[in-house]
Amino acid sequence: MPHRTRPMTALLLFTGLNAVLVSTITPVYDFVCFLPYWERRRERRRQEREAALAKGSGSA
């Protein structure tokens, strides 16, 4: 074997990395999901849907 394996170091590194990722997921999720862009996009899509429904029912 050309190099020595260090399972304890690898385990600690893996656990530490996972702890960092888990602790940062909530702020990232909140930032991405509650951006004003998504609120504006959802509102725009709702208005377009209502306009299409009104247009469709008006011509029938």
PDB file of N, CA and C in Angstrom:
ATOM      1  N   MET A   1       0.848  -1.181   0.000  1.00  0.00           N
ATOM      2  CA  MET A   1       0.000   0.000   0.000  1.00  0.00           C
ATOM      3  C   MET A   1       0.896   1.248   0.000  1.00  0.00           C
ATOM      4  N   PRO A   2       0.705   2.166  -0.931  1.00  0.00           N
ATOM      5  CA  PRO A   2       1.614   3.307  -1.016  1.00  0.00           C
ATOM      6  C   PRO A   2       1.442   4.331   0.107  1.00  0.00           C
ATOM      7  N   HIS A   3       0.284   4.382   0.721  1.00  0.00           N
ATOM      8  CA  HIS A   3       0.093   5.351   1.798  1.00  0.00           C
ATOM      9  C   HIS A   3      -0.668   4.717   2.947  1.00  0.00           C
ATOM     10  N   ARG A   4      -0.525   5.301   4.101  1.00  0.00           N
ATOM     11  CA  ARG A   4      -1.209   4.798   5.282  1.00  0.00           C
ATOM     12  C   ARG A   4      -2.651   5.286   5.299  1.00  0.00           C
ATOM     13  N   THR A   5      -3.573   4.421   5.619  1.00  0.00           N
ATOM     14  CA  THR A   5      -4.966   4.838   5.729  1.00  0.00           C
ATOM     15  C   THR A   5      -5.206   5.333   7.150  1.00  0.00           C
ATOM     16  N   ARG A   6      -6.020   6.335   7.266  1.00  0.00           N
ATOM     17  CA  ARG A   6      -6.348   6.905   8.580  1.00  0.00           C
ATOM     18  C   ARG A   6      -7.863   6.959   8.720  1.00  0.00           C
ATOM     19  N   PRO A   7      -8.460   5.860   9.144  1.00  0.00           N
ATOM     20  CA  PRO A   7      -9.930   5.821   9.196  1.00  0.00           C
ATOM     21  C   PRO A   7     -10.511   6.798  10.212  1.00  0.00           C
ATOM     22  N   MET A   8      -9.817   7.021  11.338  1.00  0.00           N
ATOM     23  CA  MET A   8     -10.368   7.928  12.344  1.00  0.00           C
ATOM     24  C   MET A   8     -10.376   9.366  11.824  1.00  0.00           C
ATOM     25  N   THR A   9      -9.319   9.766  11.146  1.00  0.00           N
ATOM     26  CA  THR A   9      -9.268  11.118  10.568  1.00  0.00           C
ATOM     27  C   THR A   9     -10.358  11.285   9.517  1.00  0.00           C
ATOM     28  N   ALA A  10     -10.533  10.282   8.693  1.00  0.00           N
ATOM     29  CA  ALA A  10     -11.563  10.346   7.659  1.00  0.00           C
ATOM     30  C   ALA A  10     -12.954  10.424   8.284  1.00  0.00           C
ATOM     31  N   LEU A  11     -13.180   9.655   9.330  1.00  0.00           N
ATOM     32  CA  LEU A  11     -14.477   9.677  10.007  1.00  0.00           C
ATOM     33  C   LEU A  11     -14.737  11.038  10.642  1.00  0.00           C
ATOM     34  N   LEU A  12     -13.739  11.598  11.303  1.00  0.00           N
ATOM     35  CA  LEU A  12     -13.904  12.917  11.918  1.00  0.00           C
ATOM     36  C   LEU A  12     -14.133  13.999  10.868  1.00  0.00           C
ATOM     37  N   LEU A  13     -13.416  13.928   9.781  1.00  0.00           N
ATOM     38  CA  LEU A  13     -13.592  14.898   8.703  1.00  0.00           C
ATOM     39  C   LEU A  13     -14.991  14.792   8.095  1.00  0.00           C
ATOM     40  N   PHE A  14     -15.423  13.564   7.850  1.00  0.00           N
ATOM     41  CA  PHE A  14     -16.760  13.335   7.292  1.00  0.00           C
ATOM     42  C   PHE A  14     -17.840  13.849   8.238  1.00  0.00           C
ATOM     43  N   THR A  15     -17.710  13.538   9.530  1.00  0.00           N
ATOM     44  CA  THR A  15     -18.692  13.981  10.518  1.00  0.00           C
ATOM     45  C   THR A  15     -18.695  15.503  10.641  1.00  0.00           C
ATOM     46  N   GLY A  16     -17.515  16.107  10.658  1.00  0.00           N
ATOM     47  CA  GLY A  16     -17.429  17.563  10.750  1.00  0.00           C
ATOM     48  C   GLY A  16     -18.044  18.255   9.548  1.00  0.00           C
ATOM     49  N   LEU A  17     -17.772  17.725   8.376  1.00  0.00           N
ATOM     50  CA  LEU A  17     -18.340  18.306   7.168  1.00  0.00           C
ATOM     51  C   LEU A  17     -19.859  18.203   7.171  1.00  0.00           C
ATOM     52  N   ASN A  18     -20.383  17.076   7.578  1.00  0.00           N
ATOM     53  CA  ASN A  18     -21.837  16.914   7.658  1.00  0.00           C
ATOM     54  C   ASN A  18     -22.443  17.859   8.686  1.00  0.00           C
ATOM     55  N   ALA A  19     -21.770  18.055   9.817  1.00  0.00           N
ATOM     56  CA  ALA A  19     -22.271  18.976  10.843  1.00  0.00           C
ATOM     57  C   ALA A  19     -22.338  20.404  10.287  1.00  0.00           C
ATOM     58  N   VAL A  20     -21.325  20.801   9.536  1.00  0.00           N
ATOM     59  CA  VAL A  20     -21.320  22.139   8.942  1.00  0.00           C
ATOM     60  C   VAL A  20     -22.454  22.273   7.933  1.00  0.00           C
ATOM     61  N   LEU A  21     -22.637  21.272   7.093  1.00  0.00           N
ATOM     62  CA  LEU A  21     -23.705  21.332   6.096  1.00  0.00           C
ATOM     63  C   LEU A  21     -25.087  21.374   6.737  1.00  0.00           C
ATOM     64  N   VAL A  22     -25.291  20.582   7.773  1.00  0.00           N
ATOM     65  CA  VAL A  22     -26.591  20.563   8.451  1.00  0.00           C
ATOM     66  C   VAL A  22     -26.862  21.898   9.131  1.00  0.00           C
ATOM     67  N   SER A  23     -25.839  22.503   9.710  1.00  0.00           N
ATOM     68  CA  SER A  23     -26.052  23.771  10.418  1.00  0.00           C
ATOM     69  C   SER A  23     -26.283  24.936   9.461  1.00  0.00           C
ATOM     70  N   THR A  24     -25.853  24.814   8.212  1.00  0.00           N
ATOM     71  CA  THR A  24     -26.043  25.922   7.269  1.00  0.00           C
ATOM     72  C   THR A  24     -27.253  25.737   6.365  1.00  0.00           C
ATOM     73  N   ILE A  25     -27.938  24.611   6.432  1.00  0.00           N
ATOM     74  CA  ILE A  25     -29.030  24.383   5.490  1.00  0.00           C
ATOM     75  C   ILE A  25     -30.234  25.272   5.783  1.00  0.00           C
ATOM     76  N   THR A  26     -30.534  25.539   7.041  1.00  0.00           N
ATOM     77  CA  THR A  26     -31.718  26.343   7.363  1.00  0.00           C
ATOM     78  C   THR A  26     -31.614  27.772   6.832  1.00  0.00           C
ATOM     79  N   PRO A  27     -30.518  28.507   7.097  1.00  0.00           N
ATOM     80  CA  PRO A  27     -30.449  29.858   6.522  1.00  0.00           C
ATOM     81  C   PRO A  27     -30.452  29.865   4.991  1.00  0.00           C
ATOM     82  N   VAL A  28     -29.826  28.879   4.387  1.00  0.00           N
ATOM     83  CA  VAL A  28     -29.806  28.817   2.924  1.00  0.00           C
ATOM     84  C   VAL A  28     -31.212  28.549   2.407  1.00  0.00           C
ATOM     85  N   TYR A  29     -31.926  27.624   3.024  1.00  0.00           N
ATOM     86  CA  TYR A  29     -33.297  27.306   2.631  1.00  0.00           C
ATOM     87  C   TYR A  29     -34.183  28.539   2.764  1.00  0.00           C
ATOM     88  N   ASP A  30     -34.079  29.227   3.901  1.00  0.00           N
ATOM     89  CA  ASP A  30     -34.885  30.428   4.113  1.00  0.00           C
ATOM     90  C   ASP A  30     -34.561  31.490   3.072  1.00  0.00           C
ATOM     91  N   PHE A  31     -33.286  31.671   2.774  1.00  0.00           N
ATOM     92  CA  PHE A  31     -32.885  32.684   1.797  1.00  0.00           C
ATOM     93  C   PHE A  31     -33.453  32.368   0.420  1.00  0.00           C
ATOM     94  N   VAL A  32     -33.351  31.120   0.016  1.00  0.00           N
ATOM     95  CA  VAL A  32     -33.794  30.739  -1.324  1.00  0.00           C
ATOM     96  C   VAL A  32     -35.314  30.739  -1.430  1.00  0.00           C
ATOM     97  N   CYS A  33     -35.996  30.218  -0.428  1.00  0.00           N
ATOM     98  CA  CYS A  33     -37.441  30.036  -0.529  1.00  0.00           C
ATOM     99  C   CYS A  33     -38.234  31.310  -0.265  1.00  0.00           C
ATOM    100  N   PHE A  34     -37.673  32.231   0.474  1.00  0.00           N
ATOM    101  CA  PHE A  34     -38.429  33.429   0.831  1.00  0.00           C
ATOM    102  C   PHE A  34     -37.887  34.677   0.152  1.00  0.00           C
ATOM    103  N   LEU A  35     -37.232  34.499  -0.985  1.00  0.00           N
ATOM    104  CA  LEU A  35     -36.786  35.656  -1.751  1.00  0.00           C
ATOM    105  C   LEU A  35     -38.000  36.385  -2.316  1.00  0.00           C
ATOM    106  N   PRO A  36     -37.966  37.705  -2.356  1.00  0.00           N
ATOM    107  CA  PRO A  36     -39.090  38.445  -2.955  1.00  0.00           C
ATOM    108  C   PRO A  36     -39.336  38.049  -4.409  1.00  0.00           C
ATOM    109  N   TYR A  37     -38.291  37.575  -5.096  1.00  0.00           N
ATOM    110  CA  TYR A  37     -38.466  37.140  -6.489  1.00  0.00           C
ATOM    111  C   TYR A  37     -39.551  36.085  -6.593  1.00  0.00           C
ATOM    112  N   TRP A  38     -39.542  35.095  -5.701  1.00  0.00           N
ATOM    113  CA  TRP A  38     -40.526  34.016  -5.784  1.00  0.00           C
ATOM    114  C   TRP A  38     -41.922  34.516  -5.466  1.00  0.00           C
ATOM    115  N   GLU A  39     -42.017  35.476  -4.529  1.00  0.00           N
ATOM    116  CA  GLU A  39     -43.325  36.038  -4.207  1.00  0.00           C
ATOM    117  C   GLU A  39     -43.890  36.778  -5.426  1.00  0.00           C
ATOM    118  N   ARG A  40     -43.048  37.578  -6.076  1.00  0.00           N
ATOM    119  CA  ARG A  40     -43.505  38.306  -7.262  1.00  0.00           C
ATOM    120  C   ARG A  40     -43.869  37.342  -8.383  1.00  0.00           C
ATOM    121  N   ARG A  41     -43.064  36.295  -8.547  1.00  0.00           N
ATOM    122  CA  ARG A  41     -43.325  35.320  -9.609  1.00  0.00           C
ATOM    123  C   ARG A  41     -44.643  34.587  -9.357  1.00  0.00           C
ATOM    124  N   ARG A  42     -44.878  34.198  -8.102  1.00  0.00           N
ATOM    125  CA  ARG A  42     -46.114  33.502  -7.778  1.00  0.00           C
ATOM    126  C   ARG A  42     -47.326  34.403  -8.016  1.00  0.00           C
ATOM    127  N   GLU A  43     -47.202  35.667  -7.628  1.00  0.00           N
ATOM    128  CA  GLU A  43     -48.298  36.610  -7.830  1.00  0.00           C
ATOM    129  C   GLU A  43     -48.550  36.842  -9.327  1.00  0.00           C
ATOM    130  N   ARG A  44     -47.479  36.978 -10.112  1.00  0.00           N
ATOM    131  CA  ARG A  44     -47.618  37.177 -11.555  1.00  0.00           C
ATOM    132  C   ARG A  44     -48.296  35.968 -12.202  1.00  0.00           C
ATOM    133  N   ARG A  45     -47.889  34.766 -11.802  1.00  0.00           N
ATOM    134  CA  ARG A  45     -48.508  33.553 -12.372  1.00  0.00           C
ATOM    135  C   ARG A  45     -49.985  33.454 -11.996  1.00  0.00           C
ATOM    136  N   ARG A  46     -50.319  33.858 -10.764  1.00  0.00           N
ATOM    137  CA  ARG A  46     -51.719  33.825 -10.337  1.00  0.00           C
ATOM    138  C   ARG A  46     -52.545  34.790 -11.186  1.00  0.00           C
ATOM    139  N   GLN A  47     -52.008  35.985 -11.427  1.00  0.00           N
ATOM    140  CA  GLN A  47     -52.723  36.961 -12.248  1.00  0.00           C
ATOM    141  C   GLN A  47     -52.882  36.468 -13.683  1.00  0.00           C
ATOM    142  N   GLU A  48     -51.842  35.845 -14.213  1.00  0.00           N
ATOM    143  CA  GLU A  48     -51.946  35.315 -15.574  1.00  0.00           C
ATOM    144  C   GLU A  48     -52.988  34.202 -15.649  1.00  0.00           C
ATOM    145  N   ARG A  49     -53.019  33.351 -14.624  1.00  0.00           N
ATOM    146  CA  ARG A  49     -53.997  32.264 -14.586  1.00  0.00           C
ATOM    147  C   ARG A  49     -55.419  32.824 -14.507  1.00  0.00           C
ATOM    148  N   GLU A  50     -55.620  33.830 -13.645  1.00  0.00           N
ATOM    149  CA  GLU A  50     -56.954  34.438 -13.525  1.00  0.00           C
ATOM    150  C   GLU A  50     -57.374  35.112 -14.829  1.00  0.00           C
ATOM    151  N   ALA A  51     -56.418  35.788 -15.486  1.00  0.00           N
ATOM    152  CA  ALA A  51     -56.723  36.443 -16.761  1.00  0.00           C
ATOM    153  C   ALA A  51     -57.105  35.411 -17.826  1.00  0.00           C
ATOM    154  N   ALA A  52     -56.390  34.283 -17.848  1.00  0.00           N
ATOM    155  CA  ALA A  52     -56.699  33.242 -18.830  1.00  0.00           C
ATOM    156  C   ALA A  52     -58.062  32.619 -18.555  1.00  0.00           C
ATOM    157  N   LEU A  53     -58.392  32.431 -17.286  1.00  0.00           N
ATOM    158  CA  LEU A  53     -59.708  31.882 -16.951  1.00  0.00           C
ATOM    159  C   LEU A  53     -60.818  32.865 -17.321  1.00  0.00           C
ATOM    160  N   ALA A  54     -60.614  34.138 -17.028  1.00  0.00           N
ATOM    161  CA  ALA A  54     -61.635  35.149 -17.348  1.00  0.00           C
ATOM    162  C   ALA A  54     -61.811  35.261 -18.862  1.00  0.00           C
ATOM    163  N   LYS A  55     -60.706  35.186 -19.596  1.00  0.00           N
ATOM    164  CA  LYS A  55     -60.739  35.274 -21.051  1.00  0.00           C
ATOM    165  C   LYS A  55     -61.476  34.055 -21.626  1.00  0.00           C
ATOM    166  N   GLY A  56     -61.187  32.893 -21.072  1.00  0.00           N
ATOM    167  CA  GLY A  56     -61.812  31.666 -21.554  1.00  0.00           C
ATOM    168  C   GLY A  56     -63.309  31.617 -21.254  1.00  0.00           C
ATOM    169  N   SER A  57     -63.702  32.065 -20.094  1.00  0.00           N
ATOM    170  CA  SER A  57     -65.126  32.013 -19.734  1.00  0.00           C
ATOM    171  C   SER A  57     -65.910  33.132 -20.418  1.00  0.00           C
ATOM    172  N   GLY A  58     -65.246  34.226 -20.770  1.00  0.00           N
ATOM    173  CA  GLY A  58     -65.924  35.332 -21.447  1.00  0.00           C
ATOM    174  C   GLY A  58     -66.299  34.988 -22.870  1.00  0.00           C
ATOM    175  N   SER A  59     -65.502  34.173 -23.543  1.00  0.00           N
ATOM    176  CA  SER A  59     -65.767  33.844 -24.948  1.00  0.00           C
ATOM    177  C   SER A  59     -66.702  32.648 -25.079  1.00  0.00           C
ATOM    178  N   ALA A  60     -66.999  31.955 -24.015  1.00  0.00           N
ATOM    179  CA  ALA A  60     -67.826  30.745 -24.110  1.00  0.00           C
ATOM    180  C   ALA A  60     -69.294  31.017 -24.133  1.00  0.00           C
TER     181      ALA A  60
END
